[in-house]
């Protein structure tokens, strides 16, 4: 195990929130969970989230959209033939908080085969401008490393993904609402 410079509970919280919602993670960590919030916390949280997925035999694309391919907030981003499928990320947007907040957190692949983790957070400005700049920064990094390369990825419909899951809860553990009297 790596020697992380942050307390385990704080980092695990950041990783779990990151998987659920970058906006929620930003809100919670900016609030100062255990006083450990700093820009250097986030790359460790991304790495820890990838580790959590790997323990269950999952790739980041199992829980995050592949840009330019999957439906959602990244569907219309990184759509050029070169960039399509080269970014797997989560977005987070808080339009009315701190004058506008936007984040893009995930991984990109380069033509050299490198998989680079990234965290981009912006606040106090135009969310649409933030998104343009986030895309520009990711593409700039990819271009300085030989260009983008798509991840090996085949889209799978959500219904198909769910058909391969099973509940670990026993019948007695499931919640059943009580009928109103």
N, C-alpha and C. Protein backbone atom coordinates (compact mmCIF):
# COMPACT_ATOMS: atom_id res chain seq x y z
N UNK A 1 0.85 -1.19 0.00
CA UNK A 1 0.00 0.00 0.00
C UNK A 1 0.89 1.23 0.00
N UNK A 2 0.50 2.21 -0.79
CA UNK A 2 1.26 3.45 -0.86
C UNK A 2 1.16 4.20 0.45
N UNK A 3 2.14 5.00 0.72
CA UNK A 3 2.13 5.84 1.90
C UNK A 3 1.48 7.17 1.53
N UNK A 4 0.16 7.25 1.67
CA UNK A 4 -0.58 8.45 1.30
C UNK A 4 -0.29 9.56 2.30
N UNK A 5 -0.16 10.80 1.84
CA UNK A 5 0.12 11.90 2.75
C UNK A 5 -1.12 12.43 3.45
N UNK A 6 -2.27 11.78 3.27
CA UNK A 6 -3.51 12.23 3.90
C UNK A 6 -4.08 11.11 4.73
N UNK A 7 -4.90 11.47 5.71
CA UNK A 7 -5.53 10.48 6.56
C UNK A 7 -6.43 9.58 5.73
N UNK A 8 -6.41 8.27 6.00
CA UNK A 8 -7.14 7.28 5.22
C UNK A 8 -8.62 7.56 5.11
N UNK A 9 -9.27 7.94 6.21
CA UNK A 9 -10.70 8.18 6.18
C UNK A 9 -11.05 9.36 5.28
N UNK A 10 -10.22 10.39 5.31
CA UNK A 10 -10.47 11.56 4.47
C UNK A 10 -10.31 11.19 3.01
N UNK A 11 -9.27 10.46 2.68
CA UNK A 11 -9.02 10.07 1.31
C UNK A 11 -10.09 9.11 0.82
N UNK A 12 -10.49 8.15 1.65
CA UNK A 12 -11.55 7.22 1.27
C UNK A 12 -12.86 7.97 1.04
N UNK A 13 -13.15 8.95 1.88
CA UNK A 13 -14.35 9.76 1.69
C UNK A 13 -14.28 10.51 0.38
N UNK A 14 -13.14 11.09 0.07
CA UNK A 14 -12.97 11.81 -1.19
C UNK A 14 -13.16 10.87 -2.37
N UNK A 15 -12.59 9.67 -2.31
CA UNK A 15 -12.72 8.71 -3.41
C UNK A 15 -14.17 8.28 -3.57
N UNK A 16 -14.86 7.99 -2.48
CA UNK A 16 -16.25 7.54 -2.55
C UNK A 16 -17.14 8.66 -3.10
N UNK A 17 -16.93 9.88 -2.63
CA UNK A 17 -17.71 11.00 -3.14
C UNK A 17 -17.41 11.26 -4.60
N UNK A 18 -16.16 11.10 -4.98
CA UNK A 18 -15.76 11.30 -6.36
C UNK A 18 -16.51 10.35 -7.27
N UNK A 19 -16.65 9.09 -6.84
CA UNK A 19 -17.38 8.11 -7.64
C UNK A 19 -18.85 8.48 -7.74
N UNK A 20 -19.41 9.03 -6.67
CA UNK A 20 -20.83 9.37 -6.64
C UNK A 20 -21.10 10.66 -7.39
N UNK A 21 -20.34 11.70 -7.11
CA UNK A 21 -20.60 13.01 -7.71
C UNK A 21 -19.43 13.95 -7.44
N UNK A 22 -18.72 14.37 -8.49
CA UNK A 22 -17.66 15.35 -8.26
C UNK A 22 -18.16 16.63 -7.61
N UNK A 23 -19.38 17.05 -7.97
CA UNK A 23 -19.91 18.27 -7.36
C UNK A 23 -20.10 18.09 -5.87
N UNK A 24 -20.63 16.93 -5.46
CA UNK A 24 -20.82 16.65 -4.04
C UNK A 24 -19.47 16.56 -3.34
N UNK A 25 -18.53 15.93 -3.99
CA UNK A 25 -17.19 15.79 -3.41
C UNK A 25 -16.57 17.16 -3.22
N UNK A 26 -16.71 18.01 -4.22
CA UNK A 26 -16.16 19.36 -4.13
C UNK A 26 -16.80 20.09 -2.97
N UNK A 27 -18.12 20.01 -2.87
CA UNK A 27 -18.84 20.71 -1.79
C UNK A 27 -18.38 20.21 -0.43
N UNK A 28 -18.26 18.90 -0.25
CA UNK A 28 -17.87 18.34 1.04
C UNK A 28 -16.42 18.65 1.38
N UNK A 29 -15.53 18.47 0.40
CA UNK A 29 -14.11 18.66 0.70
C UNK A 29 -13.72 20.12 0.83
N UNK A 30 -14.39 20.97 0.06
CA UNK A 30 -14.10 22.40 0.22
C UNK A 30 -14.51 22.83 1.61
N UNK A 31 -15.52 22.14 2.17
CA UNK A 31 -15.93 22.40 3.54
C UNK A 31 -14.86 22.01 4.54
N UNK A 32 -13.83 21.29 4.12
CA UNK A 32 -12.69 21.00 4.97
C UNK A 32 -12.80 19.74 5.78
N UNK A 33 -13.14 18.60 5.15
CA UNK A 33 -13.19 17.34 5.88
C UNK A 33 -11.86 17.13 6.59
N UNK A 34 -11.89 17.13 7.90
CA UNK A 34 -10.72 16.90 8.75
C UNK A 34 -9.55 17.81 8.41
N UNK A 35 -9.84 18.93 7.78
CA UNK A 35 -8.77 19.88 7.47
C UNK A 35 -7.77 19.37 6.44
N UNK A 36 -8.14 18.35 5.67
CA UNK A 36 -7.20 17.74 4.74
C UNK A 36 -7.38 18.19 3.30
N UNK A 37 -8.33 19.07 3.03
CA UNK A 37 -8.58 19.46 1.65
C UNK A 37 -7.44 20.31 1.10
N UNK A 38 -6.94 19.91 -0.05
CA UNK A 38 -5.97 20.71 -0.78
C UNK A 38 -5.98 20.20 -2.21
N UNK A 39 -5.47 20.98 -3.14
CA UNK A 39 -5.44 20.51 -4.53
C UNK A 39 -4.69 19.19 -4.70
N UNK A 40 -3.74 18.92 -3.84
CA UNK A 40 -2.99 17.68 -3.98
C UNK A 40 -3.74 16.46 -3.46
N UNK A 41 -4.87 16.65 -2.76
CA UNK A 41 -5.69 15.54 -2.29
C UNK A 41 -6.34 14.82 -3.46
N UNK A 42 -6.77 15.56 -4.45
CA UNK A 42 -7.60 15.00 -5.51
C UNK A 42 -6.94 13.92 -6.37
N UNK A 43 -5.71 14.09 -6.81
CA UNK A 43 -5.11 12.99 -7.59
C UNK A 43 -5.05 11.68 -6.79
N UNK A 44 -4.82 11.77 -5.49
CA UNK A 44 -4.81 10.56 -4.66
C UNK A 44 -6.22 9.97 -4.58
N UNK A 45 -7.23 10.83 -4.50
CA UNK A 45 -8.61 10.35 -4.46
C UNK A 45 -8.98 9.64 -5.76
N UNK A 46 -8.54 10.18 -6.90
CA UNK A 46 -8.82 9.54 -8.19
C UNK A 46 -8.12 8.18 -8.25
N UNK A 47 -6.86 8.14 -7.82
CA UNK A 47 -6.12 6.87 -7.83
C UNK A 47 -6.79 5.86 -6.90
N UNK A 48 -7.25 6.31 -5.75
CA UNK A 48 -7.91 5.39 -4.82
C UNK A 48 -9.22 4.88 -5.41
N UNK A 49 -9.97 5.74 -6.07
CA UNK A 49 -11.22 5.32 -6.70
C UNK A 49 -10.95 4.26 -7.76
N UNK A 50 -9.89 4.44 -8.55
CA UNK A 50 -9.53 3.43 -9.55
C UNK A 50 -9.17 2.11 -8.87
N UNK A 51 -8.49 2.18 -7.74
CA UNK A 51 -8.14 0.98 -6.99
C UNK A 51 -9.36 0.26 -6.46
N UNK A 52 -10.33 1.04 -5.96
CA UNK A 52 -11.58 0.45 -5.46
C UNK A 52 -12.29 -0.31 -6.58
N UNK A 53 -12.33 0.28 -7.76
CA UNK A 53 -12.97 -0.38 -8.90
C UNK A 53 -12.22 -1.65 -9.29
N UNK A 54 -10.90 -1.57 -9.33
CA UNK A 54 -10.08 -2.71 -9.74
C UNK A 54 -10.30 -3.91 -8.80
N UNK A 55 -10.50 -3.64 -7.50
CA UNK A 55 -10.76 -4.73 -6.54
C UNK A 55 -11.99 -5.54 -6.92
N UNK A 56 -12.92 -4.90 -7.64
CA UNK A 56 -14.15 -5.56 -8.04
C UNK A 56 -14.14 -5.93 -9.52
N UNK A 57 -12.96 -5.88 -10.13
CA UNK A 57 -12.84 -6.25 -11.53
C UNK A 57 -13.50 -5.28 -12.49
N UNK A 58 -13.60 -4.02 -12.08
CA UNK A 58 -14.26 -3.02 -12.90
C UNK A 58 -13.26 -2.00 -13.45
N UNK A 59 -13.58 -1.51 -14.62
CA UNK A 59 -12.83 -0.42 -15.23
C UNK A 59 -13.55 0.89 -14.92
N UNK A 60 -12.87 2.02 -14.98
CA UNK A 60 -13.56 3.30 -14.76
C UNK A 60 -14.76 3.50 -15.67
N UNK A 61 -14.73 2.94 -16.88
CA UNK A 61 -15.85 3.11 -17.81
C UNK A 61 -17.12 2.40 -17.32
N UNK A 62 -17.00 1.56 -16.30
CA UNK A 62 -18.19 0.90 -15.74
C UNK A 62 -19.05 1.88 -14.95
N UNK A 63 -18.45 2.97 -14.47
CA UNK A 63 -19.22 3.92 -13.66
C UNK A 63 -19.13 5.35 -14.17
N UNK A 64 -18.23 5.61 -15.10
CA UNK A 64 -18.09 6.96 -15.63
C UNK A 64 -18.28 6.91 -17.14
N UNK A 65 -18.86 7.97 -17.70
CA UNK A 65 -19.07 7.98 -19.15
C UNK A 65 -17.78 8.14 -19.93
N UNK A 66 -17.78 7.54 -21.11
CA UNK A 66 -16.68 7.69 -22.05
C UNK A 66 -17.08 8.85 -22.97
N UNK A 67 -16.25 9.88 -22.97
CA UNK A 67 -16.56 11.12 -23.69
C UNK A 67 -16.72 10.88 -25.18
N UNK A 68 -17.76 11.52 -25.73
CA UNK A 68 -18.02 11.42 -27.16
C UNK A 68 -18.75 10.16 -27.57
N UNK A 69 -19.02 9.27 -26.60
CA UNK A 69 -19.69 8.00 -26.90
C UNK A 69 -20.93 7.80 -26.04
N UNK A 70 -20.75 7.81 -24.73
CA UNK A 70 -21.85 7.52 -23.82
C UNK A 70 -22.79 8.71 -23.68
N UNK A 71 -24.08 8.44 -23.43
CA UNK A 71 -25.02 9.54 -23.20
C UNK A 71 -24.70 10.24 -21.89
N UNK A 72 -25.05 11.50 -21.82
CA UNK A 72 -24.83 12.27 -20.60
C UNK A 72 -24.07 13.55 -20.86
N UNK A 73 -23.47 14.07 -19.81
CA UNK A 73 -22.83 15.39 -19.89
C UNK A 73 -21.57 15.41 -20.75
N UNK A 74 -20.99 14.26 -21.05
CA UNK A 74 -19.79 14.23 -21.90
C UNK A 74 -20.09 13.75 -23.32
N UNK A 75 -21.35 13.53 -23.62
CA UNK A 75 -21.75 13.01 -24.93
C UNK A 75 -21.31 13.94 -26.06
N UNK A 76 -21.42 15.24 -25.83
CA UNK A 76 -21.08 16.21 -26.87
C UNK A 76 -19.71 16.86 -26.66
N UNK A 77 -18.88 16.23 -25.87
CA UNK A 77 -17.53 16.73 -25.64
C UNK A 77 -16.52 15.71 -26.15
N UNK A 78 -15.40 16.16 -26.64
CA UNK A 78 -14.35 15.28 -27.18
C UNK A 78 -14.94 14.39 -28.28
N UNK A 79 -15.68 15.00 -29.21
CA UNK A 79 -16.37 14.23 -30.24
C UNK A 79 -15.59 14.09 -31.54
N UNK A 80 -14.50 14.83 -31.69
CA UNK A 80 -13.69 14.70 -32.91
C UNK A 80 -13.17 13.27 -33.04
N UNK A 81 -12.97 12.82 -34.26
CA UNK A 81 -12.54 11.43 -34.49
C UNK A 81 -11.32 11.05 -33.67
N UNK A 82 -10.37 11.95 -33.54
CA UNK A 82 -9.15 11.64 -32.77
C UNK A 82 -9.45 11.49 -31.28
N UNK A 83 -10.34 12.33 -30.76
CA UNK A 83 -10.56 12.39 -29.30
C UNK A 83 -11.67 11.50 -28.80
N UNK A 84 -12.54 11.09 -29.68
CA UNK A 84 -13.70 10.28 -29.28
C UNK A 84 -13.23 9.01 -28.56
N UNK A 85 -13.67 8.84 -27.32
CA UNK A 85 -13.32 7.65 -26.54
C UNK A 85 -11.99 7.72 -25.82
N UNK A 86 -11.31 8.87 -25.87
CA UNK A 86 -9.99 8.98 -25.24
C UNK A 86 -10.05 9.55 -23.82
N UNK A 87 -11.25 9.91 -23.37
CA UNK A 87 -11.43 10.50 -22.04
C UNK A 87 -12.57 9.77 -21.34
N UNK A 88 -12.31 9.32 -20.11
CA UNK A 88 -13.33 8.73 -19.25
C UNK A 88 -13.37 9.61 -18.01
N UNK A 89 -14.52 10.24 -17.76
CA UNK A 89 -14.55 11.24 -16.68
C UNK A 89 -15.94 11.44 -16.13
N UNK A 90 -15.97 12.14 -15.00
CA UNK A 90 -17.21 12.59 -14.37
C UNK A 90 -17.18 14.11 -14.38
N UNK A 91 -18.35 14.68 -14.57
CA UNK A 91 -18.47 16.13 -14.50
C UNK A 91 -19.19 16.49 -13.21
N UNK A 92 -19.02 17.68 -12.79
CA UNK A 92 -19.75 18.20 -11.64
C UNK A 92 -20.01 19.68 -11.89
N UNK A 93 -21.25 20.09 -11.71
CA UNK A 93 -21.61 21.48 -11.99
C UNK A 93 -22.51 22.00 -10.88
N UNK A 94 -22.15 23.15 -10.35
CA UNK A 94 -22.98 23.88 -9.39
C UNK A 94 -23.13 25.29 -9.95
N UNK A 95 -24.22 25.55 -10.64
CA UNK A 95 -24.40 26.81 -11.35
C UNK A 95 -24.51 27.99 -10.40
N UNK A 96 -25.19 27.80 -9.26
CA UNK A 96 -25.46 28.92 -8.36
C UNK A 96 -24.53 28.99 -7.15
N UNK A 97 -23.61 28.10 -7.04
CA UNK A 97 -22.70 28.09 -5.90
C UNK A 97 -21.39 28.77 -6.27
N UNK A 98 -20.91 29.64 -5.40
CA UNK A 98 -19.63 30.33 -5.60
C UNK A 98 -19.52 30.98 -6.97
N UNK A 99 -20.63 31.50 -7.47
CA UNK A 99 -20.60 32.19 -8.76
C UNK A 99 -20.43 31.25 -9.94
N UNK A 100 -20.69 29.96 -9.75
CA UNK A 100 -20.55 28.96 -10.81
C UNK A 100 -19.35 28.08 -10.56
N UNK A 101 -19.59 26.77 -10.47
CA UNK A 101 -18.53 25.80 -10.23
C UNK A 101 -18.65 24.69 -11.26
N UNK A 102 -17.54 24.27 -11.80
CA UNK A 102 -17.54 23.16 -12.75
C UNK A 102 -16.27 22.33 -12.53
N UNK A 103 -16.45 20.99 -12.59
CA UNK A 103 -15.27 20.13 -12.45
C UNK A 103 -15.31 19.04 -13.52
N UNK A 104 -14.15 18.59 -13.89
CA UNK A 104 -13.98 17.45 -14.78
C UNK A 104 -12.88 16.60 -14.16
N UNK A 105 -13.23 15.36 -13.82
CA UNK A 105 -12.34 14.49 -13.07
C UNK A 105 -12.32 13.12 -13.73
N UNK A 106 -11.14 12.61 -14.05
CA UNK A 106 -11.10 11.28 -14.66
C UNK A 106 -9.73 10.90 -15.17
N UNK A 107 -9.75 10.28 -16.35
CA UNK A 107 -8.50 9.83 -16.95
C UNK A 107 -8.55 10.06 -18.46
N UNK A 108 -7.38 10.27 -19.02
CA UNK A 108 -7.25 10.43 -20.47
C UNK A 108 -6.19 9.45 -20.95
N UNK A 109 -6.27 9.09 -22.23
CA UNK A 109 -5.28 8.18 -22.81
C UNK A 109 -4.56 8.92 -23.93
N UNK A 110 -3.26 8.70 -24.02
CA UNK A 110 -2.46 9.34 -25.05
C UNK A 110 -2.04 8.32 -26.10
N UNK A 111 -1.59 8.84 -27.23
CA UNK A 111 -1.14 7.97 -28.33
C UNK A 111 0.04 7.10 -27.91
N UNK A 112 0.77 7.53 -26.90
CA UNK A 112 1.90 6.73 -26.39
C UNK A 112 1.43 5.58 -25.48
N UNK A 113 0.12 5.52 -25.25
CA UNK A 113 -0.43 4.47 -24.39
C UNK A 113 -0.50 4.85 -22.93
N UNK A 114 -0.13 6.07 -22.60
CA UNK A 114 -0.17 6.52 -21.21
C UNK A 114 -1.63 6.77 -20.79
N UNK A 115 -1.96 6.40 -19.58
CA UNK A 115 -3.25 6.73 -18.99
C UNK A 115 -2.95 7.74 -17.88
N UNK A 116 -3.41 8.95 -18.08
CA UNK A 116 -3.12 10.04 -17.15
C UNK A 116 -4.37 10.42 -16.38
N UNK A 117 -4.26 10.49 -15.07
CA UNK A 117 -5.36 10.93 -14.23
C UNK A 117 -5.35 12.45 -14.17
N UNK A 118 -6.55 13.04 -14.11
CA UNK A 118 -6.60 14.49 -14.03
C UNK A 118 -7.78 14.94 -13.20
N UNK A 119 -7.63 16.13 -12.64
CA UNK A 119 -8.67 16.80 -11.87
C UNK A 119 -8.63 18.26 -12.26
N UNK A 120 -9.73 18.77 -12.80
CA UNK A 120 -9.81 20.18 -13.18
C UNK A 120 -11.03 20.76 -12.48
N UNK A 121 -10.82 21.78 -11.67
CA UNK A 121 -11.92 22.43 -10.96
C UNK A 121 -11.85 23.93 -11.21
N UNK A 122 -13.01 24.50 -11.49
CA UNK A 122 -13.11 25.93 -11.73
C UNK A 122 -14.25 26.50 -10.91
N UNK A 123 -14.10 27.74 -10.47
CA UNK A 123 -15.19 28.41 -9.76
C UNK A 123 -15.18 29.89 -10.06
N UNK A 124 -16.33 30.51 -9.82
CA UNK A 124 -16.54 31.94 -10.00
C UNK A 124 -16.40 32.37 -11.46
N UNK A 125 -17.32 31.91 -12.27
CA UNK A 125 -17.31 32.30 -13.67
C UNK A 125 -18.34 31.55 -14.48
N UNK A 126 -18.19 31.64 -15.77
CA UNK A 126 -19.13 31.02 -16.70
C UNK A 126 -18.88 29.52 -16.79
N UNK A 127 -19.90 28.72 -16.45
CA UNK A 127 -19.77 27.27 -16.49
C UNK A 127 -19.46 26.80 -17.92
N UNK A 128 -20.12 27.40 -18.91
CA UNK A 128 -19.84 26.97 -20.29
C UNK A 128 -18.40 27.30 -20.70
N UNK A 129 -17.89 28.43 -20.24
CA UNK A 129 -16.49 28.78 -20.52
C UNK A 129 -15.55 27.83 -19.79
N UNK A 130 -15.89 27.47 -18.55
CA UNK A 130 -15.08 26.50 -17.80
C UNK A 130 -14.97 25.19 -18.58
N UNK A 131 -16.09 24.72 -19.11
CA UNK A 131 -16.10 23.45 -19.85
C UNK A 131 -15.22 23.53 -21.08
N UNK A 132 -15.31 24.64 -21.81
CA UNK A 132 -14.44 24.83 -22.98
C UNK A 132 -12.97 24.76 -22.58
N UNK A 133 -12.63 25.44 -21.49
CA UNK A 133 -11.24 25.45 -21.03
C UNK A 133 -10.79 24.08 -20.53
N UNK A 134 -11.68 23.34 -19.87
CA UNK A 134 -11.36 21.98 -19.41
C UNK A 134 -11.03 21.10 -20.61
N UNK A 135 -11.87 21.15 -21.63
CA UNK A 135 -11.63 20.35 -22.84
C UNK A 135 -10.31 20.75 -23.49
N UNK A 136 -10.05 22.05 -23.56
CA UNK A 136 -8.82 22.53 -24.15
C UNK A 136 -7.59 22.01 -23.39
N UNK A 137 -7.65 22.06 -22.06
CA UNK A 137 -6.52 21.59 -21.26
C UNK A 137 -6.26 20.09 -21.46
N UNK A 138 -7.32 19.30 -21.47
CA UNK A 138 -7.15 17.85 -21.67
C UNK A 138 -6.54 17.59 -23.05
N UNK A 139 -7.07 18.26 -24.08
CA UNK A 139 -6.54 18.06 -25.43
C UNK A 139 -5.10 18.55 -25.55
N UNK A 140 -4.78 19.63 -24.88
CA UNK A 140 -3.42 20.15 -24.89
C UNK A 140 -2.44 19.13 -24.30
N UNK A 141 -2.81 18.55 -23.16
CA UNK A 141 -1.94 17.54 -22.54
C UNK A 141 -1.79 16.34 -23.46
N UNK A 142 -2.90 15.89 -24.03
CA UNK A 142 -2.82 14.75 -24.95
C UNK A 142 -1.92 15.07 -26.14
N UNK A 143 -2.06 16.26 -26.70
CA UNK A 143 -1.24 16.64 -27.86
C UNK A 143 0.23 16.74 -27.53
N UNK A 144 0.57 17.16 -26.31
CA UNK A 144 1.99 17.24 -25.94
C UNK A 144 2.59 15.86 -25.71
N UNK A 145 1.74 14.83 -25.67
CA UNK A 145 2.21 13.46 -25.46
C UNK A 145 1.87 12.57 -26.65
N UNK A 146 1.89 13.17 -27.84
CA UNK A 146 1.71 12.39 -29.06
C UNK A 146 0.30 12.36 -29.60
N UNK A 147 -0.65 12.97 -28.90
CA UNK A 147 -2.04 12.98 -29.33
C UNK A 147 -2.89 12.04 -28.50
N UNK A 148 -4.19 12.01 -28.79
CA UNK A 148 -5.10 11.14 -28.03
C UNK A 148 -5.14 9.73 -28.60
N UNK A 149 -5.60 8.80 -27.79
CA UNK A 149 -5.86 7.43 -28.23
C UNK A 149 -7.08 6.94 -27.47
N UNK A 150 -8.00 6.32 -28.19
CA UNK A 150 -9.23 5.84 -27.56
C UNK A 150 -8.94 4.65 -26.65
N UNK A 151 -9.67 4.59 -25.55
CA UNK A 151 -9.62 3.43 -24.66
C UNK A 151 -10.29 2.25 -25.37
N UNK A 152 -9.88 1.04 -25.04
CA UNK A 152 -10.58 -0.15 -25.53
C UNK A 152 -11.91 -0.19 -24.81
N UNK A 153 -12.97 0.09 -25.54
CA UNK A 153 -14.27 0.24 -24.89
C UNK A 153 -15.38 -0.11 -25.87
N UNK A 154 -16.29 -0.93 -25.43
CA UNK A 154 -17.49 -1.24 -26.19
C UNK A 154 -18.68 -0.82 -25.34
N UNK A 155 -19.49 0.11 -25.84
CA UNK A 155 -20.64 0.55 -25.05
C UNK A 155 -21.60 -0.60 -24.76
N UNK A 156 -22.10 -0.61 -23.53
CA UNK A 156 -23.07 -1.61 -23.11
C UNK A 156 -24.26 -0.86 -22.53
N UNK A 157 -25.45 -1.20 -23.02
CA UNK A 157 -26.66 -0.54 -22.53
C UNK A 157 -26.82 -0.82 -21.04
N UNK A 158 -27.35 0.15 -20.30
CA UNK A 158 -27.53 0.01 -18.86
C UNK A 158 -28.35 -1.23 -18.50
N UNK A 159 -29.39 -1.51 -19.30
CA UNK A 159 -30.21 -2.70 -19.02
C UNK A 159 -29.36 -3.97 -19.08
N UNK A 160 -28.41 -4.01 -19.99
CA UNK A 160 -27.54 -5.19 -20.10
C UNK A 160 -26.59 -5.26 -18.90
N UNK A 161 -26.08 -4.11 -18.46
CA UNK A 161 -25.21 -4.10 -17.29
C UNK A 161 -25.96 -4.59 -16.07
N UNK A 162 -27.18 -4.13 -15.89
CA UNK A 162 -27.97 -4.51 -14.73
C UNK A 162 -28.37 -5.97 -14.76
N UNK A 163 -28.48 -6.55 -15.95
CA UNK A 163 -28.88 -7.95 -16.04
C UNK A 163 -27.80 -8.88 -15.50
N UNK A 164 -26.59 -8.38 -15.34
CA UNK A 164 -25.49 -9.19 -14.83
C UNK A 164 -25.19 -8.89 -13.36
N UNK A 165 -26.15 -8.32 -12.66
CA UNK A 165 -25.96 -8.01 -11.25
C UNK A 165 -26.89 -8.87 -10.41
N UNK A 166 -26.57 -8.99 -9.17
CA UNK A 166 -27.46 -9.70 -8.25
C UNK A 166 -27.41 -9.02 -6.90
N UNK A 167 -28.47 -9.13 -6.19
CA UNK A 167 -28.57 -8.50 -4.88
C UNK A 167 -27.89 -9.38 -3.85
N UNK A 168 -27.18 -8.74 -2.94
CA UNK A 168 -26.57 -9.49 -1.85
C UNK A 168 -27.46 -9.45 -0.60
N UNK A 169 -28.59 -8.74 -0.69
CA UNK A 169 -29.50 -8.65 0.45
C UNK A 169 -30.45 -9.85 0.45
N UNK A 170 -30.66 -10.41 1.61
CA UNK A 170 -31.62 -11.50 1.74
C UNK A 170 -33.03 -10.95 1.70
N UNK A 171 -34.01 -11.80 1.48
CA UNK A 171 -35.40 -11.36 1.38
C UNK A 171 -35.83 -10.60 2.63
N UNK A 172 -35.36 -11.03 3.78
CA UNK A 172 -35.76 -10.37 5.03
C UNK A 172 -35.08 -9.02 5.22
N UNK A 173 -34.02 -8.75 4.44
CA UNK A 173 -33.29 -7.49 4.60
C UNK A 173 -33.80 -6.40 3.66
N UNK A 174 -34.66 -6.75 2.71
CA UNK A 174 -35.15 -5.77 1.76
C UNK A 174 -36.20 -4.89 2.40
N UNK A 175 -36.22 -3.66 1.97
CA UNK A 175 -37.18 -2.70 2.51
C UNK A 175 -38.52 -2.84 1.82
N UNK A 176 -39.54 -2.96 2.58
CA UNK A 176 -40.91 -2.99 2.08
C UNK A 176 -41.69 -1.92 2.82
N UNK A 177 -42.24 -0.95 2.13
CA UNK A 177 -43.02 0.07 2.82
C UNK A 177 -44.28 -0.53 3.41
N UNK A 178 -44.66 -0.02 4.55
CA UNK A 178 -45.88 -0.53 5.21
C UNK A 178 -47.08 0.15 4.56
N UNK A 179 -48.13 -0.63 4.31
CA UNK A 179 -49.33 -0.02 3.71
C UNK A 179 -49.93 1.01 4.66
N UNK A 180 -50.45 2.08 4.08
CA UNK A 180 -51.08 3.13 4.89
C UNK A 180 -52.42 2.61 5.43
N UNK A 181 -52.69 2.88 6.67
CA UNK A 181 -53.93 2.41 7.32
C UNK A 181 -55.02 3.41 7.11
